[in-house]
Amino acid sequence: MFTVAAFLLLALDHVHVSLASRRSPTITSFARNAQTRNSRVQNIREHNHDILAVQTLRNRTFGRELSRLHRHPHRPGRLAPEPGLAL
């Protein structure tokens, strides 16, 4: 019984978010982030901030790599911490 109620609540929330995002597309964090990213890229292109564009790409790439290493620190091919060293 609880599982059915939880599923119904989840379905109602999904319908609510879908309807609300049609009325106001920026209601979700994904849409706001995409809008902010697009306006920043447009600003960089209009004002010829080439170095800022390169730095942004570098920082995003580095951030993704750090995030991936944080989630999988002992993947094959990656440097593992030496035994006995505190992290």
N, C-alpha and C. Protein backbone atom coordinates (compact mmCIF):
# COMPACT_ATOMS: atom_id res chain seq x y z
N MET A 1 0.82 -1.19 0.00
CA MET A 1 0.00 0.00 0.00
C MET A 1 0.87 1.27 0.00
N PHE A 2 1.93 1.24 0.84
CA PHE A 2 2.82 2.39 0.90
C PHE A 2 3.53 2.62 -0.43
N THR A 3 3.92 1.54 -1.11
CA THR A 3 4.61 1.64 -2.39
C THR A 3 3.72 2.29 -3.44
N VAL A 4 2.45 1.94 -3.45
CA VAL A 4 1.51 2.53 -4.41
C VAL A 4 1.35 4.01 -4.12
N ALA A 5 1.23 4.39 -2.86
CA ALA A 5 1.09 5.80 -2.50
C ALA A 5 2.34 6.58 -2.88
N ALA A 6 3.51 6.01 -2.65
CA ALA A 6 4.76 6.68 -3.01
C ALA A 6 4.87 6.86 -4.52
N PHE A 7 4.49 5.83 -5.28
CA PHE A 7 4.52 5.93 -6.74
C PHE A 7 3.54 6.98 -7.23
N LEU A 8 2.35 7.02 -6.64
CA LEU A 8 1.34 8.01 -7.03
C LEU A 8 1.83 9.42 -6.73
N LEU A 9 2.45 9.62 -5.57
CA LEU A 9 2.99 10.92 -5.21
C LEU A 9 4.10 11.34 -6.18
N LEU A 10 4.96 10.41 -6.54
CA LEU A 10 6.03 10.70 -7.50
C LEU A 10 5.46 11.06 -8.87
N ALA A 11 4.43 10.33 -9.31
CA ALA A 11 3.81 10.61 -10.60
C ALA A 11 3.13 11.99 -10.60
N LEU A 12 2.44 12.31 -9.50
CA LEU A 12 1.80 13.63 -9.40
C LEU A 12 2.83 14.76 -9.41
N ASP A 13 3.95 14.56 -8.74
CA ASP A 13 5.00 15.57 -8.74
C ASP A 13 5.58 15.75 -10.14
N HIS A 14 5.77 14.65 -10.85
CA HIS A 14 6.29 14.72 -12.22
C HIS A 14 5.32 15.49 -13.13
N VAL A 15 4.03 15.23 -13.00
CA VAL A 15 3.02 15.94 -13.80
C VAL A 15 3.03 17.42 -13.43
N HIS A 16 3.11 17.72 -12.14
CA HIS A 16 3.13 19.11 -11.69
C HIS A 16 4.33 19.87 -12.26
N VAL A 17 5.51 19.28 -12.20
CA VAL A 17 6.72 19.94 -12.72
C VAL A 17 6.62 20.11 -14.24
N SER A 18 6.07 19.12 -14.93
CA SER A 18 5.93 19.22 -16.39
C SER A 18 4.99 20.36 -16.77
N LEU A 19 3.85 20.46 -16.09
CA LEU A 19 2.90 21.54 -16.39
C LEU A 19 3.47 22.90 -16.01
N ALA A 20 4.12 22.97 -14.88
CA ALA A 20 4.68 24.24 -14.43
C ALA A 20 5.80 24.70 -15.36
N SER A 21 6.61 23.77 -15.86
CA SER A 21 7.70 24.17 -16.75
C SER A 21 7.19 24.59 -18.12
N ARG A 22 6.01 24.15 -18.51
CA ARG A 22 5.43 24.65 -19.77
C ARG A 22 4.97 26.09 -19.62
N ARG A 23 4.42 26.43 -18.45
CA ARG A 23 3.98 27.81 -18.22
C ARG A 23 5.16 28.74 -18.04
N SER A 24 6.15 28.29 -17.28
CA SER A 24 7.34 29.10 -17.00
C SER A 24 8.56 28.20 -17.18
N PRO A 25 9.20 28.26 -18.34
CA PRO A 25 10.30 27.34 -18.65
C PRO A 25 11.48 27.41 -17.68
N THR A 26 11.65 28.52 -17.00
CA THR A 26 12.82 28.65 -16.13
C THR A 26 12.53 28.21 -14.70
N ILE A 27 11.48 27.43 -14.51
CA ILE A 27 11.14 26.99 -13.14
C ILE A 27 12.11 25.92 -12.64
N THR A 28 12.72 25.16 -13.54
CA THR A 28 13.63 24.11 -13.12
C THR A 28 15.07 24.63 -13.10
N SER A 29 15.88 24.03 -12.27
CA SER A 29 17.28 24.45 -12.19
C SER A 29 18.03 24.13 -13.48
N PHE A 30 17.64 23.06 -14.17
CA PHE A 30 18.29 22.72 -15.44
C PHE A 30 18.07 23.81 -16.48
N ALA A 31 16.85 24.33 -16.55
CA ALA A 31 16.55 25.38 -17.52
C ALA A 31 17.27 26.67 -17.16
N ARG A 32 17.30 27.01 -15.87
CA ARG A 32 18.01 28.24 -15.47
C ARG A 32 19.50 28.13 -15.75
N ASN A 33 20.10 26.96 -15.48
CA ASN A 33 21.52 26.79 -15.76
C ASN A 33 21.81 26.88 -17.25
N ALA A 34 20.95 26.27 -18.07
CA ALA A 34 21.13 26.33 -19.52
C ALA A 34 21.00 27.77 -20.03
N GLN A 35 20.04 28.50 -19.49
CA GLN A 35 19.85 29.89 -19.90
C GLN A 35 21.06 30.74 -19.51
N THR A 36 21.56 30.54 -18.31
CA THR A 36 22.73 31.29 -17.86
C THR A 36 23.95 30.95 -18.70
N ARG A 37 24.14 29.66 -18.99
CA ARG A 37 25.28 29.24 -19.81
C ARG A 37 25.20 29.84 -21.21
N ASN A 38 24.00 29.83 -21.81
CA ASN A 38 23.84 30.39 -23.15
C ASN A 38 24.10 31.89 -23.17
N SER A 39 23.62 32.61 -22.16
CA SER A 39 23.86 34.05 -22.14
C SER A 39 25.34 34.36 -21.92
N ARG A 40 26.02 33.53 -21.12
CA ARG A 40 27.46 33.75 -20.90
C ARG A 40 28.25 33.51 -22.18
N VAL A 41 27.91 32.44 -22.90
CA VAL A 41 28.60 32.15 -24.16
C VAL A 41 28.35 33.28 -25.17
N GLN A 42 27.13 33.77 -25.23
CA GLN A 42 26.82 34.86 -26.15
C GLN A 42 27.60 36.12 -25.78
N ASN A 43 27.72 36.40 -24.49
CA ASN A 43 28.48 37.55 -24.04
C ASN A 43 29.96 37.41 -24.40
N ILE A 44 30.51 36.23 -24.24
CA ILE A 44 31.92 36.01 -24.58
C ILE A 44 32.14 36.20 -26.08
N ARG A 45 31.20 35.70 -26.88
CA ARG A 45 31.35 35.84 -28.34
C ARG A 45 31.22 37.29 -28.79
N GLU A 46 30.29 38.02 -28.21
CA GLU A 46 30.06 39.41 -28.63
C GLU A 46 31.22 40.33 -28.27
N HIS A 47 31.86 40.09 -27.14
CA HIS A 47 32.90 41.00 -26.67
C HIS A 47 34.31 40.48 -26.88
N ASN A 48 34.45 39.41 -27.65
CA ASN A 48 35.76 38.86 -28.01
C ASN A 48 36.65 38.61 -26.78
N HIS A 49 36.10 37.96 -25.79
CA HIS A 49 36.88 37.59 -24.60
C HIS A 49 37.45 36.20 -24.84
N ASP A 50 38.42 36.11 -25.73
CA ASP A 50 38.97 34.81 -26.11
C ASP A 50 39.62 34.09 -24.94
N ILE A 51 40.38 34.82 -24.15
CA ILE A 51 41.08 34.18 -23.04
C ILE A 51 40.09 33.66 -22.00
N LEU A 52 38.98 34.37 -21.81
CA LEU A 52 37.96 33.92 -20.88
C LEU A 52 37.31 32.64 -21.36
N ALA A 53 37.10 32.53 -22.66
CA ALA A 53 36.52 31.31 -23.22
C ALA A 53 37.46 30.12 -23.02
N VAL A 54 38.73 30.33 -23.24
CA VAL A 54 39.70 29.24 -23.06
C VAL A 54 39.79 28.84 -21.59
N GLN A 55 39.81 29.82 -20.70
CA GLN A 55 39.87 29.52 -19.27
C GLN A 55 38.62 28.77 -18.81
N THR A 56 37.47 29.15 -19.32
CA THR A 56 36.22 28.48 -18.95
C THR A 56 36.25 27.03 -19.39
N LEU A 57 36.68 26.78 -20.61
CA LEU A 57 36.76 25.40 -21.09
C LEU A 57 37.75 24.59 -20.27
N ARG A 58 38.90 25.19 -19.95
CA ARG A 58 39.90 24.51 -19.16
C ARG A 58 39.37 24.18 -17.76
N ASN A 59 38.71 25.13 -17.13
CA ASN A 59 38.20 24.91 -15.78
C ASN A 59 37.10 23.85 -15.76
N ARG A 60 36.25 23.85 -16.75
CA ARG A 60 35.19 22.83 -16.80
C ARG A 60 35.77 21.45 -17.02
N THR A 61 36.75 21.35 -17.90
CA THR A 61 37.38 20.06 -18.15
C THR A 61 38.10 19.56 -16.91
N PHE A 62 38.83 20.44 -16.26
CA PHE A 62 39.55 20.07 -15.05
C PHE A 62 38.58 19.68 -13.94
N GLY A 63 37.48 20.42 -13.82
CA GLY A 63 36.48 20.11 -12.81
C GLY A 63 35.83 18.76 -13.03
N ARG A 64 35.54 18.44 -14.28
CA ARG A 64 34.96 17.13 -14.59
C ARG A 64 35.94 16.01 -14.25
N GLU A 65 37.20 16.23 -14.57
CA GLU A 65 38.21 15.21 -14.29
C GLU A 65 38.37 15.00 -12.79
N LEU A 66 38.38 16.08 -12.02
CA LEU A 66 38.47 15.95 -10.57
C LEU A 66 37.25 15.25 -10.01
N SER A 67 36.08 15.57 -10.55
CA SER A 67 34.85 14.93 -10.09
C SER A 67 34.89 13.44 -10.38
N ARG A 68 35.37 13.08 -11.56
CA ARG A 68 35.44 11.67 -11.93
C ARG A 68 36.45 10.93 -11.07
N LEU A 69 37.58 11.55 -10.78
CA LEU A 69 38.58 10.92 -9.94
C LEU A 69 38.08 10.78 -8.50
N HIS A 70 37.30 11.74 -8.06
CA HIS A 70 36.76 11.68 -6.71
C HIS A 70 35.78 10.51 -6.56
N ARG A 71 34.99 10.26 -7.60
CA ARG A 71 34.03 9.16 -7.54
C ARG A 71 34.71 7.81 -7.69
N HIS A 72 35.77 7.72 -8.49
CA HIS A 72 36.46 6.46 -8.76
C HIS A 72 37.96 6.63 -8.54
N PRO A 73 38.40 6.78 -7.31
CA PRO A 73 39.82 7.07 -7.09
C PRO A 73 40.75 5.90 -7.42
N HIS A 74 40.26 4.68 -7.49
CA HIS A 74 41.13 3.52 -7.69
C HIS A 74 40.85 2.82 -9.01
N ARG A 75 40.44 3.57 -10.01
CA ARG A 75 40.20 2.96 -11.33
C ARG A 75 41.52 2.53 -11.94
N PRO A 76 41.50 1.46 -12.72
CA PRO A 76 42.73 1.06 -13.42
C PRO A 76 43.23 2.20 -14.31
N GLY A 77 44.51 2.39 -14.30
CA GLY A 77 45.10 3.45 -15.12
C GLY A 77 45.22 4.76 -14.39
N ARG A 78 44.68 4.84 -13.20
CA ARG A 78 44.77 6.06 -12.40
C ARG A 78 45.79 5.86 -11.29
N LEU A 79 46.39 6.93 -10.85
CA LEU A 79 47.33 6.84 -9.76
C LEU A 79 46.58 6.64 -8.45
N ALA A 80 46.92 5.63 -7.72
CA ALA A 80 46.31 5.37 -6.43
C ALA A 80 47.22 5.91 -5.34
N PRO A 81 46.66 6.30 -4.20
CA PRO A 81 47.51 6.79 -3.13
C PRO A 81 48.42 5.67 -2.61
N GLU A 82 49.60 6.05 -2.16
CA GLU A 82 50.53 5.07 -1.64
C GLU A 82 50.00 4.49 -0.34
N PRO A 83 50.24 3.21 -0.06
CA PRO A 83 49.78 2.63 1.20
C PRO A 83 50.40 3.36 2.39
N GLY A 84 49.60 3.58 3.39
CA GLY A 84 50.09 4.22 4.59
C GLY A 84 49.96 5.73 4.61
N LEU A 85 49.64 6.35 3.47
CA LEU A 85 49.49 7.81 3.44
C LEU A 85 48.05 8.17 3.75
N ALA A 86 47.86 9.16 4.57
CA ALA A 86 46.51 9.63 4.89
C ALA A 86 46.02 10.51 3.74
N LEU A 87 44.76 10.36 3.43
CA LEU A 87 44.18 11.19 2.37
C LEU A 87 43.66 12.49 2.91
